[in-house]
Protein backbone atom coordinates (compact mmCIF):
# COMPACT_ATOMS: atom_id res chain seq x y z
CA MET A 1 -30.97 10.14 -8.40
CA ASN A 2 -32.46 8.75 -4.95
CA ARG A 3 -33.25 10.14 -1.25
CA ARG A 4 -30.06 8.67 0.28
CA GLU A 5 -28.22 9.06 -2.24
CA TRP A 6 -29.47 13.14 -2.12
CA LEU A 7 -28.48 13.29 1.35
CA LYS A 8 -24.84 11.96 0.58
CA SER A 9 -24.08 14.85 -1.74
CA MET A 10 -25.13 17.20 0.46
CA SER A 11 -23.23 15.97 3.56
CA ALA A 12 -19.53 15.42 1.13
CA LEU A 13 -20.86 18.89 0.24
CA ALA A 14 -21.28 20.44 3.59
CA VAL A 15 -17.57 19.04 4.31
CA GLY A 16 -15.59 20.59 1.74
CA VAL A 17 -17.67 23.56 2.39
CA ILE A 18 -16.58 23.63 5.92
CA ALA A 19 -12.85 22.05 6.36
CA GLY A 20 -12.31 22.50 2.60
CA PRO A 21 -10.82 25.90 3.62
CA SER A 22 -7.94 24.59 5.53
CA LEU A 23 -7.39 22.20 4.36
CA LEU A 24 -6.35 24.56 1.62
CA ALA A 25 -5.13 27.13 4.36
CA VAL A 26 -2.46 24.40 5.20
CA ALA A 27 -1.74 23.54 1.96
CA GLU A 28 -0.22 26.52 1.43
CA ALA A 29 1.42 27.00 5.11
CA HIS A 30 3.83 24.13 4.02
CA ALA A 31 4.40 25.47 0.66
CA ALA A 32 5.62 28.94 2.76
CA SER A 33 7.81 26.93 4.88
CA GLN A 34 9.56 26.13 1.37
CA LYS A 35 10.66 29.46 0.82
CA PRO A 36 13.10 30.13 3.16
CA GLY A 37 13.89 33.77 2.41
CA ALA A 38 10.13 35.20 2.50
CA ALA A 39 9.76 37.35 5.10
CA PRO A 40 7.29 36.20 8.12
CA GLY A 41 3.58 37.22 7.36
CA PHE A 42 2.96 36.73 11.04
CA PHE A 43 5.42 37.17 13.65
CA THR A 44 7.98 39.05 14.36
CA ALA A 45 11.58 38.45 13.45
CA ALA A 46 12.35 38.26 16.95
CA GLN A 47 9.37 35.97 17.37
CA LEU A 48 10.28 33.44 14.35
CA ALA A 49 13.53 33.10 15.75
CA LEU A 50 12.20 32.37 18.63
CA ILE A 51 10.07 29.66 17.38
CA GLY A 52 12.55 28.39 15.77
CA ALA A 53 14.58 27.40 18.63
CA VAL A 54 12.27 26.15 20.30
CA ALA A 55 10.99 24.20 17.14
CA ASP A 56 14.42 22.84 16.80
CA ILE A 57 14.47 21.46 20.78
CA ILE A 58 11.76 19.54 20.10
CA ILE A 59 12.89 17.83 16.23
CA PRO A 60 16.65 18.66 16.69
CA ARG A 61 19.50 17.63 12.99
CA THR A 62 20.62 13.93 14.31
CA ASP A 63 21.18 11.55 11.43
CA THR A 64 18.09 13.36 10.20
CA PRO A 65 17.20 17.00 9.27
CA GLY A 66 15.60 19.06 12.14
CA ALA A 67 12.34 21.03 12.04
CA VAL A 68 14.18 24.13 11.03
CA ASP A 69 15.61 22.15 8.14
CA ALA A 70 12.04 21.14 7.29
CA GLY A 71 11.07 25.12 7.81
CA VAL A 72 8.67 24.08 9.74
CA PRO A 73 9.10 28.29 12.08
CA ARG A 74 7.41 29.27 8.66
CA PHE A 75 5.24 26.36 8.08
CA ILE A 76 4.22 27.59 12.70
CA ASP A 77 3.42 31.64 11.56
CA GLN A 78 1.75 31.32 7.35
CA MET A 79 -1.01 29.00 10.45
CA PHE A 80 -0.71 31.15 12.77
CA LYS A 81 -1.21 34.09 9.90
CA ASP A 82 -4.06 31.69 7.86
CA VAL A 83 -5.64 29.51 9.55
CA TYR A 84 -5.85 30.65 13.01
CA THR A 85 -8.85 32.54 14.58
CA PRO A 86 -7.89 36.40 15.98
CA GLN A 87 -8.11 34.80 20.02
CA GLU A 88 -6.29 31.74 19.24
CA GLN A 89 -3.28 34.58 17.88
CA LYS A 90 -3.72 36.57 21.16
CA ARG A 91 -3.22 33.16 23.15
CA TYR A 92 -0.15 31.69 21.36
CA VAL A 93 1.31 35.62 21.48
CA THR A 94 0.10 36.27 24.98
CA SER A 95 1.59 32.57 25.81
CA MET A 96 4.86 33.44 24.55
CA ALA A 97 5.26 36.41 25.95
CA ALA A 98 5.13 34.76 29.07
CA PHE A 99 7.39 31.56 27.99
CA ASP A 100 9.82 34.17 27.08
CA THR A 101 10.63 35.62 30.84
CA ALA A 102 9.65 31.31 31.57
CA GLY A 103 13.84 31.64 31.82
CA GLY A 104 14.53 34.93 34.23
CA LYS A 105 15.81 36.82 31.13
CA PRO A 106 14.75 36.46 27.38
CA PHE A 107 15.02 32.39 25.77
CA LEU A 108 17.30 33.41 23.01
CA GLN A 109 19.34 34.60 24.99
CA LEU A 110 19.77 31.76 27.72
CA ASP A 111 22.32 28.86 26.68
CA GLU A 112 21.82 25.47 24.75
CA ALA A 113 21.43 23.52 27.85
CA GLN A 114 19.69 25.72 30.12
CA ARG A 115 17.33 26.63 26.81
CA LYS A 116 16.75 22.23 26.27
CA ALA A 117 15.66 21.85 30.07
CA LEU A 118 13.40 25.00 30.69
CA VAL A 119 10.71 23.53 27.07
CA MET A 120 11.50 19.89 28.97
CA LYS A 121 10.37 21.02 32.04
CA LEU A 122 7.76 23.16 31.22
CA HIS A 123 6.77 20.09 28.88
CA ALA A 124 6.72 17.89 31.82
CA GLU A 125 4.72 19.64 34.15
CA ALA A 126 2.25 19.94 31.25
CA ILE A 127 2.42 16.48 31.64
CA ALA A 128 1.66 15.72 34.26
CA ALA A 129 -1.33 18.41 35.13
CA PRO A 130 -4.69 16.89 35.08
CA ALA A 131 -6.58 17.46 32.00
CA SER A 132 -8.93 19.38 33.55
CA ALA A 133 -6.30 21.42 34.50
CA THR A 134 -6.25 25.20 33.33
CA LEU A 135 -2.71 24.69 32.38
CA PRO A 136 -0.03 28.45 32.62
CA PRO A 137 0.37 30.65 29.44
CA ALA A 138 4.62 29.62 28.84
CA THR A 139 3.24 26.16 29.15
CA THR A 140 0.18 26.61 26.58
CA PHE A 141 2.63 27.60 24.40
CA VAL A 142 5.82 25.02 24.82
CA LEU A 143 2.91 22.27 23.53
CA MET A 144 0.60 24.48 21.09
CA SER A 145 5.06 24.69 20.25
CA LYS A 146 5.08 21.14 20.22
CA LYS A 147 2.28 20.16 18.02
CA LEU A 148 2.26 22.55 15.25
CA THR A 149 6.38 21.75 14.76
CA MET A 150 5.45 17.77 14.87
CA LEU A 151 2.48 18.81 11.50
CA GLY A 152 4.50 20.93 10.43
CA PHE A 153 8.09 18.02 10.11
CA PHE A 154 5.80 14.33 9.77
CA LEU A 155 4.18 16.70 7.06
CA SER A 156 7.23 18.26 5.22
CA GLU A 157 9.82 16.00 2.20
CA PRO A 158 11.84 14.89 4.59
CA GLY A 159 10.18 13.96 7.07
CA CYS A 160 7.93 12.23 4.91
CA THR A 161 11.01 10.90 2.90
CA GLN A 162 13.65 10.77 5.17
CA VAL A 163 12.21 10.01 8.96
CA LEU A 164 9.02 7.51 7.38
CA GLN A 165 9.10 5.27 5.49
CA TYR A 166 7.97 6.04 2.29
CA SER A 167 7.17 4.49 -0.74
CA PRO A 168 5.93 5.71 -3.74
CA VAL A 169 5.46 2.99 -5.35
CA PRO A 170 4.80 -0.06 -3.33
CA GLY A 171 5.53 -3.51 -3.59
CA ALA A 172 3.35 -7.33 -3.30
CA PHE A 173 1.50 -7.78 -0.43
CA LYS A 174 2.93 -10.22 3.12
CA ALA A 175 1.25 -11.41 5.35
CA ASP A 176 2.22 -12.81 7.93
CA ILE A 177 5.78 -10.53 8.61
CA PRO A 178 8.56 -9.71 11.87
CA LEU A 179 8.13 -6.28 13.21
CA ALA A 180 11.69 -6.06 11.81
CA GLU A 181 11.48 -6.49 8.27
CA ALA A 182 8.19 -4.73 8.41
CA GLY A 183 10.52 -0.79 7.96
CA ASN A 184 13.11 -1.10 10.56
CA GLY A 185 11.18 0.31 13.01
CA LYS A 186 10.24 3.29 11.09
CA ALA A 187 5.94 4.24 10.76
CA TRP A 188 5.02 4.78 6.84
CA ALA A 189 4.16 9.01 5.41
CA VAL A 190 0.31 8.35 3.25
CA GLU A 191 2.44 10.59 0.56
CA THR A 192 5.07 13.69 0.51
CA ASP A 193 3.36 16.17 -0.67
CA LEU A 194 -0.02 17.75 0.57
CA LYS A 195 -2.52 17.14 -1.79
CA ILE A 196 -5.96 18.87 -1.56
């Protein structure tokens, strides 16, 4: 083995040591999201219900399953249990408490239209803010929840197979075809299960 091959091997090993535990935790979070009867590992049942209500606003059920159908609240719970640092956990829980009172009364006591309006308002404020701005905690909660909801949903089987295109055995290469024939406007899913 020459020096160049040795350096490649060592750098691959270093990346594996650093990234491996996080990737494994994401895979475990995805597996946990598929067990609907399991008790929450990090959040309380009330907090998990609030996360589920927000996730349902972000990706609602339409002609395809929504975030709650795909097990996203359990995925988020497992991510906070196994992946996030204590500081990130505290920030999210603190932001959740601020969000819960942002509508004048507890979020789950608001009607469906009020819930959606609050989430949309806070999301719009976050998007309009300059990149260097420090966001209010309630807005931070909405953005973090959106990121985790999208991650959990598009790692799930419904997200990969019913919303994205999925072809376990792709067909022949077809160069230069009209976009309308290239999947009916859907993006491609790489795989339906996260494998390490």
